[in-house]
Amino acid sequence: MMKLYLVRHGEALFAAVDSQRSLSNTGCLQVKNVAKRLQERGAHPKHIFHSGILRAEQTAQILAEELSVRSIKKIANLLPEDAVESIFNQTVVWTEDTLLVGHLPYMSRLLSMLSNEGYGIEFGTATVVCLEKINAQWMIEAVLNPMQ
């Protein structure tokens, strides 16, 4: 069964410190920590897609390295204020485990559209929501945060 991993980027530097808002040292550690937890759960995504914003791209690169994923690229319609319907429609035809790295409020809205169980889940930095498609329905399998 196909799995989908929704990931909010790791903690970023403040814009006053870094106008690009790259990952902080803490953010890098957060992402490595959740990558380790994904490995422990046997996660093997074939593709990692990110928004193209630096902090999401850096998060995706760390996850790709830690999870040995070769397919990593920027994808359209994953920016914080984008409509979620485009990505939602793509998930219908995806057949391989996929990991998406994005931002708030986008990730919360996408999760709510994918799963009725998604309401109330807090997407802190580097939080991962693991979903599994069962009978054409996305079910939440786990919520991983970097502090667990």
N, C-alpha and C. Protein backbone atom coordinates (compact mmCIF):
# COMPACT_ATOMS: atom_id res chain seq x y z
N MET A 1 0.84 -1.19 0.00
CA MET A 1 0.00 0.00 0.00
C MET A 1 0.88 1.24 0.00
N MET A 2 0.44 2.23 -0.72
CA MET A 2 1.21 3.45 -0.86
C MET A 2 1.19 4.27 0.43
N LYS A 3 2.35 4.88 0.69
CA LYS A 3 2.47 5.77 1.84
C LYS A 3 2.81 7.17 1.36
N LEU A 4 2.29 8.14 2.08
CA LEU A 4 2.55 9.54 1.81
C LEU A 4 3.01 10.18 3.12
N TYR A 5 4.10 10.91 3.04
CA TYR A 5 4.66 11.57 4.22
C TYR A 5 4.58 13.08 4.01
N LEU A 6 3.86 13.75 4.90
CA LEU A 6 3.76 15.20 4.86
C LEU A 6 4.70 15.76 5.91
N VAL A 7 5.62 16.62 5.50
CA VAL A 7 6.65 17.12 6.40
C VAL A 7 6.66 18.64 6.37
N ARG A 8 6.62 19.24 7.54
CA ARG A 8 6.87 20.68 7.62
C ARG A 8 8.38 20.85 7.77
N HIS A 9 8.92 21.85 7.10
CA HIS A 9 10.36 22.13 7.16
C HIS A 9 10.85 22.28 8.60
N GLY A 10 12.16 22.11 8.80
CA GLY A 10 12.77 22.31 10.10
C GLY A 10 12.81 23.78 10.49
N GLU A 11 13.19 24.03 11.74
CA GLU A 11 13.27 25.40 12.24
C GLU A 11 14.22 26.23 11.38
N ALA A 12 13.78 27.43 11.03
CA ALA A 12 14.57 28.32 10.18
C ALA A 12 15.06 29.52 10.97
N LEU A 13 16.11 30.14 10.45
CA LEU A 13 16.61 31.37 11.04
C LEU A 13 15.60 32.50 10.83
N PHE A 14 15.62 33.49 11.70
CA PHE A 14 14.74 34.65 11.55
C PHE A 14 15.19 35.47 10.35
N ALA A 15 14.25 36.12 9.70
CA ALA A 15 14.55 36.92 8.52
C ALA A 15 15.56 38.03 8.82
N ALA A 16 15.55 38.55 10.06
CA ALA A 16 16.51 39.60 10.42
C ALA A 16 17.95 39.08 10.42
N VAL A 17 18.11 37.77 10.64
CA VAL A 17 19.43 37.15 10.65
C VAL A 17 19.81 36.65 9.26
N ASP A 18 18.83 36.12 8.54
CA ASP A 18 19.07 35.52 7.22
C ASP A 18 17.82 35.75 6.37
N SER A 19 17.91 36.64 5.40
CA SER A 19 16.75 36.98 4.59
C SER A 19 16.19 35.78 3.82
N GLN A 20 17.02 34.79 3.54
CA GLN A 20 16.58 33.57 2.85
C GLN A 20 15.89 32.59 3.80
N ARG A 21 16.09 32.79 5.11
CA ARG A 21 15.52 31.94 6.17
C ARG A 21 15.94 30.48 6.01
N SER A 22 17.24 30.25 5.92
CA SER A 22 17.75 28.88 5.84
C SER A 22 17.54 28.18 7.17
N LEU A 23 17.73 26.87 7.19
CA LEU A 23 17.57 26.11 8.42
C LEU A 23 18.60 26.55 9.46
N SER A 24 18.16 26.61 10.69
CA SER A 24 19.08 26.85 11.81
C SER A 24 19.78 25.54 12.14
N ASN A 25 20.77 25.60 12.99
CA ASN A 25 21.42 24.36 13.45
C ASN A 25 20.40 23.45 14.12
N THR A 26 19.51 24.04 14.91
CA THR A 26 18.45 23.26 15.56
C THR A 26 17.56 22.62 14.51
N GLY A 27 17.23 23.38 13.47
CA GLY A 27 16.38 22.84 12.40
C GLY A 27 17.01 21.65 11.71
N CYS A 28 18.32 21.72 11.45
CA CYS A 28 19.02 20.58 10.85
C CYS A 28 18.96 19.36 11.76
N LEU A 29 19.15 19.57 13.04
CA LEU A 29 19.08 18.46 14.00
C LEU A 29 17.67 17.89 14.08
N GLN A 30 16.68 18.76 14.03
CA GLN A 30 15.28 18.30 14.06
C GLN A 30 15.02 17.35 12.89
N VAL A 31 15.45 17.76 11.71
CA VAL A 31 15.19 16.97 10.50
C VAL A 31 15.94 15.64 10.56
N LYS A 32 17.17 15.66 11.02
CA LYS A 32 17.93 14.41 11.16
C LYS A 32 17.25 13.48 12.16
N ASN A 33 16.69 14.05 13.22
CA ASN A 33 16.01 13.25 14.24
C ASN A 33 14.76 12.57 13.66
N VAL A 34 13.93 13.32 12.92
CA VAL A 34 12.74 12.68 12.35
C VAL A 34 13.12 11.72 11.24
N ALA A 35 14.21 11.98 10.54
CA ALA A 35 14.68 11.03 9.52
C ALA A 35 15.03 9.70 10.17
N LYS A 36 15.68 9.77 11.31
CA LYS A 36 16.03 8.54 12.03
C LYS A 36 14.76 7.80 12.47
N ARG A 37 13.78 8.53 12.90
CA ARG A 37 12.52 7.90 13.31
C ARG A 37 11.79 7.29 12.11
N LEU A 38 11.88 7.96 10.96
CA LEU A 38 11.30 7.39 9.75
C LEU A 38 12.01 6.10 9.36
N GLN A 39 13.34 6.09 9.47
CA GLN A 39 14.12 4.87 9.19
C GLN A 39 13.67 3.74 10.11
N GLU A 40 13.51 4.04 11.38
CA GLU A 40 13.08 3.03 12.35
C GLU A 40 11.71 2.45 11.99
N ARG A 41 10.87 3.26 11.35
CA ARG A 41 9.54 2.81 10.94
C ARG A 41 9.57 2.09 9.59
N GLY A 42 10.75 2.03 8.97
CA GLY A 42 10.87 1.36 7.69
C GLY A 42 10.44 2.19 6.50
N ALA A 43 10.47 3.51 6.63
CA ALA A 43 10.06 4.39 5.54
C ALA A 43 11.07 4.33 4.40
N HIS A 44 10.55 4.16 3.18
CA HIS A 44 11.39 4.12 1.98
C HIS A 44 10.71 4.90 0.85
N PRO A 45 10.56 6.22 1.02
CA PRO A 45 9.93 6.97 -0.07
C PRO A 45 10.79 6.91 -1.34
N LYS A 46 10.13 6.84 -2.46
CA LYS A 46 10.83 6.83 -3.76
C LYS A 46 11.08 8.24 -4.26
N HIS A 47 10.22 9.17 -3.83
CA HIS A 47 10.30 10.55 -4.31
C HIS A 47 10.17 11.51 -3.13
N ILE A 48 10.94 12.60 -3.21
CA ILE A 48 10.78 13.70 -2.27
C ILE A 48 10.55 14.96 -3.10
N PHE A 49 9.44 15.63 -2.80
CA PHE A 49 9.11 16.89 -3.46
C PHE A 49 9.11 17.99 -2.41
N HIS A 50 9.57 19.19 -2.81
CA HIS A 50 9.59 20.33 -1.89
C HIS A 50 9.09 21.57 -2.61
N SER A 51 8.83 22.62 -1.85
CA SER A 51 8.24 23.85 -2.39
C SER A 51 9.21 24.72 -3.18
N GLY A 52 10.50 24.52 -2.98
CA GLY A 52 11.49 25.38 -3.61
C GLY A 52 11.96 26.51 -2.71
N ILE A 53 11.27 26.76 -1.62
CA ILE A 53 11.73 27.74 -0.63
C ILE A 53 12.91 27.10 0.09
N LEU A 54 13.95 27.88 0.35
CA LEU A 54 15.22 27.35 0.83
C LEU A 54 15.08 26.41 2.03
N ARG A 55 14.34 26.78 3.05
CA ARG A 55 14.24 25.93 4.24
C ARG A 55 13.58 24.58 3.94
N ALA A 56 12.63 24.57 3.01
CA ALA A 56 12.00 23.32 2.60
C ALA A 56 12.96 22.49 1.75
N GLU A 57 13.69 23.16 0.88
CA GLU A 57 14.68 22.47 0.04
C GLU A 57 15.77 21.83 0.91
N GLN A 58 16.26 22.57 1.90
CA GLN A 58 17.29 22.03 2.78
C GLN A 58 16.75 20.85 3.60
N THR A 59 15.52 20.97 4.06
CA THR A 59 14.88 19.86 4.78
C THR A 59 14.80 18.63 3.88
N ALA A 60 14.36 18.82 2.64
CA ALA A 60 14.25 17.72 1.68
C ALA A 60 15.61 17.09 1.41
N GLN A 61 16.66 17.91 1.29
CA GLN A 61 18.00 17.38 1.03
C GLN A 61 18.49 16.52 2.20
N ILE A 62 18.27 16.98 3.42
CA ILE A 62 18.69 16.19 4.58
C ILE A 62 17.93 14.87 4.62
N LEU A 63 16.61 14.93 4.40
CA LEU A 63 15.81 13.71 4.41
C LEU A 63 16.25 12.75 3.31
N ALA A 64 16.53 13.29 2.12
CA ALA A 64 16.98 12.45 1.01
C ALA A 64 18.29 11.75 1.35
N GLU A 65 19.19 12.49 1.94
CA GLU A 65 20.49 11.90 2.32
C GLU A 65 20.32 10.83 3.39
N GLU A 66 19.55 11.13 4.40
CA GLU A 66 19.37 10.20 5.52
C GLU A 66 18.57 8.96 5.13
N LEU A 67 17.62 9.12 4.19
CA LEU A 67 16.76 8.01 3.78
C LEU A 67 17.19 7.37 2.46
N SER A 68 18.32 7.82 1.93
CA SER A 68 18.86 7.29 0.67
C SER A 68 17.87 7.39 -0.48
N VAL A 69 17.30 8.57 -0.65
CA VAL A 69 16.34 8.82 -1.73
C VAL A 69 17.05 9.61 -2.82
N ARG A 70 16.97 9.12 -4.05
CA ARG A 70 17.64 9.77 -5.17
C ARG A 70 16.77 10.81 -5.87
N SER A 71 15.47 10.60 -5.85
CA SER A 71 14.55 11.49 -6.56
C SER A 71 14.08 12.60 -5.64
N ILE A 72 14.65 13.79 -5.83
CA ILE A 72 14.29 14.96 -5.03
C ILE A 72 14.15 16.15 -5.98
N LYS A 73 13.01 16.83 -5.90
CA LYS A 73 12.86 17.98 -6.77
C LYS A 73 11.78 18.92 -6.26
N LYS A 74 11.88 20.14 -6.77
CA LYS A 74 10.88 21.17 -6.50
C LYS A 74 9.61 20.81 -7.27
N ILE A 75 8.47 21.06 -6.64
CA ILE A 75 7.19 20.80 -7.30
C ILE A 75 6.32 22.04 -7.16
N ALA A 76 5.54 22.32 -8.16
CA ALA A 76 4.64 23.48 -8.14
C ALA A 76 3.49 23.22 -7.17
N ASN A 77 2.87 24.28 -6.73
CA ASN A 77 1.65 24.24 -5.91
C ASN A 77 1.87 23.71 -4.51
N LEU A 78 3.04 23.98 -3.93
CA LEU A 78 3.35 23.53 -2.57
C LEU A 78 3.80 24.70 -1.69
N LEU A 79 3.53 25.92 -2.15
CA LEU A 79 3.88 27.12 -1.38
C LEU A 79 2.87 27.35 -0.26
N PRO A 80 3.24 28.11 0.76
CA PRO A 80 2.39 28.25 1.95
C PRO A 80 0.93 28.60 1.68
N GLU A 81 0.66 29.50 0.74
CA GLU A 81 -0.72 29.95 0.51
C GLU A 81 -1.36 29.33 -0.73
N ASP A 82 -0.69 28.38 -1.38
CA ASP A 82 -1.25 27.74 -2.57
C ASP A 82 -2.51 26.94 -2.23
N ALA A 83 -3.37 26.79 -3.21
CA ALA A 83 -4.53 25.90 -3.06
C ALA A 83 -4.03 24.46 -3.05
N VAL A 84 -4.65 23.62 -2.26
CA VAL A 84 -4.17 22.24 -2.09
C VAL A 84 -4.75 21.27 -3.12
N GLU A 85 -5.72 21.69 -3.90
CA GLU A 85 -6.40 20.77 -4.81
C GLU A 85 -5.45 20.14 -5.83
N SER A 86 -4.49 20.89 -6.33
CA SER A 86 -3.57 20.35 -7.34
C SER A 86 -2.77 19.16 -6.80
N ILE A 87 -2.16 19.34 -5.64
CA ILE A 87 -1.39 18.24 -5.04
C ILE A 87 -2.33 17.11 -4.62
N PHE A 88 -3.48 17.45 -4.07
CA PHE A 88 -4.45 16.44 -3.69
C PHE A 88 -4.80 15.56 -4.89
N ASN A 89 -5.06 16.18 -6.03
CA ASN A 89 -5.41 15.42 -7.24
C ASN A 89 -4.24 14.56 -7.72
N GLN A 90 -3.02 15.03 -7.54
CA GLN A 90 -1.86 14.23 -7.94
C GLN A 90 -1.72 12.98 -7.07
N THR A 91 -2.05 13.09 -5.79
CA THR A 91 -1.91 11.93 -4.90
C THR A 91 -2.80 10.78 -5.33
N VAL A 92 -3.85 11.07 -6.05
CA VAL A 92 -4.77 10.03 -6.52
C VAL A 92 -4.07 9.09 -7.50
N VAL A 93 -3.15 9.63 -8.30
CA VAL A 93 -2.51 8.81 -9.32
C VAL A 93 -1.11 8.33 -8.92
N TRP A 94 -0.54 8.87 -7.85
CA TRP A 94 0.77 8.40 -7.42
C TRP A 94 0.68 6.96 -6.95
N THR A 95 1.68 6.17 -7.30
CA THR A 95 1.68 4.75 -6.92
C THR A 95 2.89 4.38 -6.06
N GLU A 96 3.84 5.30 -5.90
CA GLU A 96 5.03 5.01 -5.11
C GLU A 96 5.06 5.91 -3.88
N ASP A 97 5.64 5.38 -2.81
CA ASP A 97 5.75 6.16 -1.57
C ASP A 97 6.41 7.50 -1.86
N THR A 98 5.80 8.55 -1.34
CA THR A 98 6.22 9.92 -1.65
C THR A 98 6.26 10.75 -0.38
N LEU A 99 7.23 11.65 -0.32
CA LEU A 99 7.39 12.55 0.81
C LEU A 99 7.31 13.98 0.29
N LEU A 100 6.45 14.79 0.92
CA LEU A 100 6.28 16.20 0.55
C LEU A 100 6.81 17.07 1.67
N VAL A 101 7.63 18.07 1.33
CA VAL A 101 8.14 19.01 2.33
C VAL A 101 7.57 20.38 2.02
N GLY A 102 6.85 20.94 2.98
CA GLY A 102 6.22 22.22 2.77
C GLY A 102 6.15 23.07 4.03
N HIS A 103 5.10 23.87 4.11
CA HIS A 103 4.99 24.94 5.09
C HIS A 103 3.58 24.99 5.67
N LEU A 104 3.44 25.80 6.70
CA LEU A 104 2.11 26.15 7.20
C LEU A 104 1.64 27.38 6.43
N PRO A 105 0.37 27.55 6.20
CA PRO A 105 -0.73 26.68 6.60
C PRO A 105 -1.01 25.55 5.61
N TYR A 106 -0.23 25.49 4.54
CA TYR A 106 -0.48 24.53 3.46
C TYR A 106 -0.58 23.09 3.96
N MET A 107 0.41 22.64 4.72
CA MET A 107 0.44 21.23 5.11
C MET A 107 -0.79 20.84 5.94
N SER A 108 -1.24 21.72 6.81
CA SER A 108 -2.44 21.44 7.60
C SER A 108 -3.68 21.34 6.71
N ARG A 109 -3.76 22.24 5.73
CA ARG A 109 -4.91 22.21 4.82
C ARG A 109 -4.90 20.95 3.95
N LEU A 110 -3.72 20.57 3.46
CA LEU A 110 -3.63 19.35 2.64
C LEU A 110 -4.00 18.13 3.47
N LEU A 111 -3.49 18.05 4.68
CA LEU A 111 -3.82 16.92 5.55
C LEU A 111 -5.32 16.83 5.79
N SER A 112 -5.96 17.96 6.03
CA SER A 112 -7.41 17.97 6.26
C SER A 112 -8.17 17.49 5.03
N MET A 113 -7.67 17.82 3.84
CA MET A 113 -8.34 17.37 2.63
C MET A 113 -8.12 15.88 2.38
N LEU A 114 -6.93 15.39 2.73
CA LEU A 114 -6.61 13.97 2.50
C LEU A 114 -7.31 13.05 3.49
N SER A 115 -7.39 13.47 4.75
CA SER A 115 -7.87 12.57 5.79
C SER A 115 -8.81 13.28 6.75
N ASN A 116 -9.93 12.64 7.01
CA ASN A 116 -10.87 13.18 7.99
C ASN A 116 -10.27 13.20 9.39
N GLU A 117 -9.23 12.41 9.59
CA GLU A 117 -8.58 12.33 10.90
C GLU A 117 -7.60 13.48 11.14
N GLY A 118 -7.35 14.29 10.12
CA GLY A 118 -6.29 15.28 10.18
C GLY A 118 -6.57 16.53 10.99
N TYR A 119 -7.80 16.75 11.38
CA TYR A 119 -8.11 17.97 12.13
C TYR A 119 -7.45 17.94 13.50
N GLY A 120 -6.87 19.05 13.86
CA GLY A 120 -6.29 19.19 15.19
C GLY A 120 -4.84 18.73 15.31
N ILE A 121 -4.26 18.18 14.26
CA ILE A 121 -2.85 17.78 14.33
C ILE A 121 -2.01 19.04 14.15
N GLU A 122 -1.09 19.23 15.07
CA GLU A 122 -0.24 20.40 15.04
C GLU A 122 1.04 20.11 14.27
N PHE A 123 1.29 20.90 13.24
CA PHE A 123 2.49 20.76 12.42
C PHE A 123 3.58 21.67 12.96
N GLY A 124 4.25 21.24 14.03
CA GLY A 124 5.42 21.99 14.49
C GLY A 124 6.54 21.81 13.48
N THR A 125 7.64 22.54 13.65
CA THR A 125 8.74 22.40 12.71
C THR A 125 9.24 20.96 12.72
N ALA A 126 9.54 20.46 11.55
CA ALA A 126 10.06 19.10 11.30
C ALA A 126 9.09 18.00 11.74
N THR A 127 7.81 18.32 11.83
CA THR A 127 6.81 17.30 12.12
C THR A 127 6.49 16.53 10.84
N VAL A 128 6.31 15.22 10.97
CA VAL A 128 5.96 14.35 9.85
C VAL A 128 4.64 13.67 10.16
N VAL A 129 3.72 13.73 9.22
CA VAL A 129 2.49 12.94 9.32
C VAL A 129 2.60 11.84 8.27
N CYS A 130 2.55 10.60 8.74
CA CYS A 130 2.66 9.43 7.87
C CYS A 130 1.25 8.95 7.55
N LEU A 131 0.94 8.88 6.27
CA LEU A 131 -0.37 8.43 5.82
C LEU A 131 -0.22 7.17 4.97
N GLU A 132 -1.22 6.32 5.04
CA GLU A 132 -1.24 5.12 4.20
C GLU A 132 -2.57 5.06 3.48
N LYS A 133 -2.51 4.73 2.19
CA LYS A 133 -3.74 4.63 1.40
C LYS A 133 -4.31 3.23 1.56
N ILE A 134 -5.52 3.17 2.10
CA ILE A 134 -6.21 1.91 2.31
C ILE A 134 -7.59 2.04 1.66
N ASN A 135 -7.85 1.21 0.66
CA ASN A 135 -9.12 1.25 -0.06
C ASN A 135 -9.45 2.66 -0.54
N ALA A 136 -8.50 3.30 -1.18
CA ALA A 136 -8.63 4.64 -1.76
C ALA A 136 -8.84 5.74 -0.72
N GLN A 137 -8.63 5.43 0.55
CA GLN A 137 -8.74 6.42 1.62
C GLN A 137 -7.38 6.59 2.29
N TRP A 138 -7.00 7.83 2.60
CA TRP A 138 -5.77 8.09 3.33
C TRP A 138 -6.05 8.01 4.82
N MET A 139 -5.29 7.14 5.49
CA MET A 139 -5.42 6.96 6.93
C MET A 139 -4.12 7.39 7.60
N ILE A 140 -4.22 8.08 8.72
CA ILE A 140 -3.02 8.51 9.44
C ILE A 140 -2.45 7.31 10.17
N GLU A 141 -1.19 7.03 9.85
CA GLU A 141 -0.48 5.90 10.46
C GLU A 141 0.33 6.35 11.68
N ALA A 142 0.89 7.56 11.59
CA ALA A 142 1.70 8.07 12.71
C ALA A 142 1.93 9.56 12.53
N VAL A 143 2.19 10.22 13.65
CA VAL A 143 2.63 11.61 13.66
C VAL A 143 3.95 11.63 14.42
N LEU A 144 4.99 12.08 13.75
CA LEU A 144 6.32 12.10 14.35
C LEU A 144 6.77 13.54 14.49
N ASN A 145 7.24 13.88 15.68
CA ASN A 145 7.82 15.21 15.82
C ASN A 145 9.25 15.06 16.35
N PRO A 146 10.08 16.04 16.14
CA PRO A 146 11.51 15.89 16.46
C PRO A 146 11.83 15.79 17.93
N MET A 147 10.88 16.07 18.80
CA MET A 147 11.16 16.04 20.24
C MET A 147 10.78 14.73 20.90
N GLN A 148 10.17 13.82 20.16
CA GLN A 148 9.76 12.54 20.75
C GLN A 148 10.93 11.61 20.90
